[in-house]
Amino acid sequence: MANIKSAKKRILVIETKTMQNKMIKSKLKTLIKKVDAAVAAGDKTLAAECLKDTVTALDKAAGKGIFHKNTVARKVSQLTKAVNALA
């Protein structure tokens, strides 16, 4: 355990940021599952709408450093390919 006041504060700040990152990751997993479910159901309009929201959220996460930009690019590519295959 830290003894220095600034180190104690950093521990609290890191815990807060960790919780925020976990919430964002959980939300992204849910959004990706919605796109996958819409693709599995064959609903192109719903899949396209969910894809738009998911891509936006993924880009924001990459901007905040929660995911690496290449990871986000790969996920967006896979999801877009799946939605476009419905046509």
Protein backbone atom coordinates (compact mmCIF):
# COMPACT_ATOMS: atom_id res chain seq x y z
CA MET A 1 0.00 0.00 0.00
CA ALA A 2 1.20 3.48 -0.83
CA ASN A 3 2.34 5.83 1.92
CA ILE A 4 2.73 9.02 -0.07
CA LYS A 5 -0.34 11.21 -0.48
CA SER A 6 0.06 11.63 -4.25
CA ALA A 7 0.47 7.88 -4.72
CA LYS A 8 -2.73 7.25 -2.75
CA LYS A 9 -4.54 9.73 -4.99
CA ARG A 10 -3.19 8.05 -8.13
CA ILE A 11 -4.54 4.71 -6.90
CA LEU A 12 -8.02 6.23 -6.52
CA VAL A 13 -7.85 7.88 -9.95
CA ILE A 14 -6.70 4.66 -11.60
CA GLU A 15 -9.59 2.73 -10.01
CA THR A 16 -12.06 5.30 -11.36
CA LYS A 17 -10.61 5.20 -14.86
CA THR A 18 -10.52 1.40 -14.82
CA MET A 19 -14.24 1.28 -14.01
CA GLN A 20 -15.01 3.76 -16.79
CA ASN A 21 -13.01 1.70 -19.30
CA LYS A 22 -14.78 -1.50 -18.21
CA MET A 23 -18.17 0.17 -18.72
CA ILE A 24 -17.21 1.32 -22.21
CA LYS A 25 -15.85 -2.13 -23.15
CA SER A 26 -19.02 -3.78 -21.88
CA LYS A 27 -21.18 -1.37 -23.89
CA LEU A 28 -19.14 -2.09 -27.02
CA LYS A 29 -19.51 -5.84 -26.57
CA THR A 30 -23.28 -5.37 -26.31
CA LEU A 31 -23.36 -3.22 -29.47
CA ILE A 32 -21.31 -5.79 -31.39
CA LYS A 33 -23.66 -8.56 -30.24
CA LYS A 34 -26.64 -6.51 -31.49
CA VAL A 35 -25.06 -6.23 -34.94
CA ASP A 36 -24.28 -9.96 -34.98
CA ALA A 37 -27.84 -10.80 -33.90
CA ALA A 38 -29.32 -8.58 -36.63
CA VAL A 39 -27.04 -10.22 -39.22
CA ALA A 40 -28.03 -13.68 -37.99
CA ALA A 41 -31.71 -12.72 -38.23
CA GLY A 42 -31.17 -11.37 -41.75
CA ASP A 43 -32.53 -7.90 -40.94
CA LYS A 44 -30.44 -5.59 -43.12
CA THR A 45 -31.97 -2.27 -41.96
CA LEU A 46 -31.55 -3.06 -38.27
CA ALA A 47 -28.03 -4.36 -38.87
CA ALA A 48 -27.08 -1.17 -40.74
CA GLU A 49 -28.44 1.04 -37.95
CA CYS A 50 -26.67 -0.97 -35.25
CA LEU A 51 -23.48 -0.95 -37.30
CA LYS A 52 -23.52 2.85 -37.51
CA ASP A 53 -23.83 3.17 -33.71
CA THR A 54 -21.19 0.52 -33.13
CA VAL A 55 -18.65 2.11 -35.48
CA THR A 56 -19.11 5.48 -33.78
CA ALA A 57 -18.62 3.97 -30.33
CA LEU A 58 -15.57 1.99 -31.45
CA ASP A 59 -13.95 5.08 -32.95
CA LYS A 60 -14.52 7.01 -29.72
CA ALA A 61 -12.98 4.16 -27.73
CA ALA A 62 -9.93 4.18 -30.01
CA GLY A 63 -9.62 7.93 -29.55
CA LYS A 64 -9.64 7.53 -25.78
CA GLY A 65 -7.03 4.79 -25.94
CA ILE A 66 -9.28 2.02 -24.67
CA PHE A 67 -8.62 -0.06 -27.80
CA HIS A 68 -5.73 0.12 -30.25
CA LYS A 69 -6.65 1.72 -33.56
CA ASN A 70 -5.79 -1.43 -35.51
CA THR A 71 -8.04 -3.52 -33.28
CA VAL A 72 -10.90 -1.11 -33.92
CA ALA A 73 -10.21 -1.11 -37.66
CA ARG A 74 -10.30 -4.93 -37.69
CA LYS A 75 -13.59 -5.08 -35.76
CA VAL A 76 -15.21 -2.44 -37.99
CA SER A 77 -14.05 -4.27 -41.09
CA GLN A 78 -15.44 -7.60 -39.92
CA LEU A 79 -18.79 -6.12 -38.92
CA THR A 80 -19.13 -4.11 -42.14
CA LYS A 81 -18.29 -7.17 -44.21
CA ALA A 82 -20.97 -9.19 -42.39
CA VAL A 83 -23.63 -6.49 -42.87
CA ASN A 84 -22.75 -6.00 -46.56
CA ALA A 85 -23.04 -9.74 -47.13
CA LEU A 86 -26.78 -9.47 -46.35
CA ALA A 87 -27.36 -7.62 -49.63
